[in-house]
Amino acid sequence: QVQLVESGGGLVQTGGSLRLSCVASGSIFMTYHMAWYRQAPGKKRELVADISTGDITNYVDFVKGRFTISRINAKNTVYLQMNSLKPEDTAVYYCHARWGAITYWGQGTQVTVSS
């Protein structure tokens, strides 16, 4: 069983920045495909960005140029640097790990962007 623990959420003004962190338990973090998702009130959970075991990144259009996903395998950690935040970025952000067909979710961290 893998545990994912997110941190770094909070309240920020429009145009501000936050960096989310997700620490994974276990010793094979480098083999996990990692991703960040988010879920706003009343909406479905959606992919924000992901990063492969080979550090190939992928972003959805609405965060391109503003968010950066990265990972440090030695720290079992994946990050989401969020810049130029907008009120529509307000959501609970979830860390996701995939190892083959097995997936894990973190408990989520709230990000609120005030206008």
Protein backbone atom coordinates (compact mmCIF):
# COMPACT_ATOMS: atom_id res chain seq x y z
CA GLN A 1 0.00 0.00 0.00
CA VAL A 2 1.30 3.42 -0.98
CA GLN A 3 0.38 6.53 0.94
CA LEU A 4 0.42 9.93 -0.72
CA VAL A 5 0.48 13.04 1.45
CA GLU A 6 -0.10 16.42 -0.15
CA SER A 7 0.77 19.79 1.31
CA GLY A 8 1.17 23.39 0.22
CA GLY A 9 -2.39 24.42 -0.43
CA GLY A 10 -3.91 27.59 0.94
CA LEU A 11 -5.50 30.93 0.17
CA VAL A 12 -3.84 33.21 -2.36
CA GLN A 13 -4.85 36.28 -4.33
CA THR A 14 -5.30 36.34 -8.08
CA GLY A 15 -1.91 36.37 -9.76
CA GLY A 16 -0.20 34.72 -6.82
CA SER A 17 1.74 31.48 -6.60
CA LEU A 18 1.68 28.28 -4.61
CA ARG A 19 3.78 25.14 -4.67
CA LEU A 20 2.11 21.87 -3.87
CA SER A 21 4.10 18.88 -2.68
CA CYS A 22 3.19 15.22 -2.55
CA VAL A 23 5.32 12.75 -0.65
CA ALA A 24 4.89 9.05 -1.35
CA SER A 25 5.68 6.18 0.96
CA GLY A 26 7.58 3.17 -0.24
CA SER A 27 10.85 2.55 -1.97
CA ILE A 28 9.86 2.34 -5.63
CA PHE A 29 8.66 5.90 -6.18
CA MET A 30 10.84 6.19 -9.26
CA THR A 31 8.68 3.58 -10.97
CA TYR A 32 5.41 5.48 -10.42
CA HIS A 33 3.76 7.61 -13.04
CA MET A 34 2.67 10.68 -11.06
CA ALA A 35 -0.03 13.23 -11.66
CA TRP A 36 -1.97 16.08 -10.14
CA TYR A 37 -5.74 16.28 -10.47
CA ARG A 38 -8.19 18.81 -9.15
CA GLN A 39 -11.86 18.92 -8.30
CA ALA A 40 -13.85 22.11 -7.95
CA PRO A 41 -17.20 22.16 -6.12
CA GLY A 42 -19.92 20.60 -8.24
CA LYS A 43 -17.48 19.51 -10.94
CA LYS A 44 -15.79 16.27 -11.91
CA ARG A 45 -12.21 15.56 -10.95
CA GLU A 46 -9.92 16.54 -13.81
CA LEU A 47 -6.31 16.00 -14.74
CA VAL A 48 -4.04 19.02 -14.34
CA ALA A 49 -0.59 17.64 -15.19
CA ASP A 50 1.36 14.42 -15.14
CA ILE A 51 4.96 13.30 -15.24
CA SER A 52 6.33 9.97 -16.35
CA THR A 53 9.11 7.90 -14.83
CA GLY A 54 11.34 9.42 -17.50
CA ASP A 55 10.36 12.99 -16.55
CA ILE A 56 8.16 13.53 -19.59
CA THR A 57 5.51 16.05 -18.63
CA ASN A 58 2.02 16.70 -19.90
CA TYR A 59 -0.30 19.61 -19.12
CA VAL A 60 -3.89 20.37 -19.84
CA ASP A 61 -4.47 23.51 -21.86
CA PHE A 62 -5.85 25.63 -19.07
CA VAL A 63 -2.60 25.44 -17.04
CA LYS A 64 0.01 25.46 -19.78
CA GLY A 65 2.55 28.20 -19.21
CA ARG A 66 1.40 28.72 -15.63
CA PHE A 67 1.91 25.39 -13.82
CA THR A 68 5.00 23.18 -13.69
CA ILE A 69 5.09 19.59 -12.51
CA SER A 70 8.37 18.08 -11.37
CA ARG A 71 9.65 15.18 -9.31
CA ILE A 72 12.64 14.36 -7.14
CA ASN A 73 12.88 10.61 -6.88
CA ALA A 74 15.44 10.75 -4.08
CA LYS A 75 12.84 12.52 -1.96
CA ASN A 76 9.84 10.45 -3.09
CA THR A 77 8.22 13.76 -3.94
CA VAL A 78 6.31 15.30 -6.81
CA TYR A 79 5.65 19.03 -6.98
CA LEU A 80 3.21 21.32 -8.70
CA GLN A 81 4.40 24.89 -9.01
CA MET A 82 1.41 27.09 -9.72
CA ASN A 83 1.94 30.65 -10.92
CA SER A 84 -0.43 33.36 -12.16
CA LEU A 85 -3.27 31.74 -10.25
CA LYS A 86 -6.85 32.57 -11.19
CA PRO A 87 -10.10 32.24 -9.24
CA GLU A 88 -11.08 29.38 -11.54
CA ASP A 89 -8.08 27.42 -10.24
CA THR A 90 -9.88 27.13 -6.90
CA ALA A 91 -10.28 23.43 -6.15
CA VAL A 92 -9.07 20.54 -4.07
CA TYR A 93 -5.87 19.28 -5.64
CA TYR A 94 -5.11 15.57 -5.49
CA CYS A 95 -1.88 13.69 -5.99
CA HIS A 96 -2.16 10.49 -8.01
CA ALA A 97 0.30 7.63 -8.47
CA ARG A 98 0.07 4.82 -10.98
CA TRP A 99 2.12 1.64 -11.07
CA GLY A 100 0.91 -0.57 -13.84
CA ALA A 101 -2.81 -1.03 -13.27
CA ILE A 102 -2.58 -0.05 -9.62
CA THR A 103 -3.46 3.51 -8.69
CA TYR A 104 -3.31 5.53 -5.50
CA TRP A 105 -4.78 8.87 -4.43
CA GLY A 106 -3.81 11.35 -1.80
CA GLN A 107 -6.32 13.00 0.51
CA GLY A 108 -6.20 16.31 -1.31
CA THR A 109 -5.18 19.84 -0.45
CA GLN A 110 -7.41 22.89 -0.83
CA VAL A 111 -6.34 25.75 -3.07
CA THR A 112 -8.43 28.90 -2.95
CA VAL A 113 -7.74 31.87 -5.20
CA SER A 114 -9.48 35.09 -4.24
CA SER A 115 -10.43 37.70 -6.81
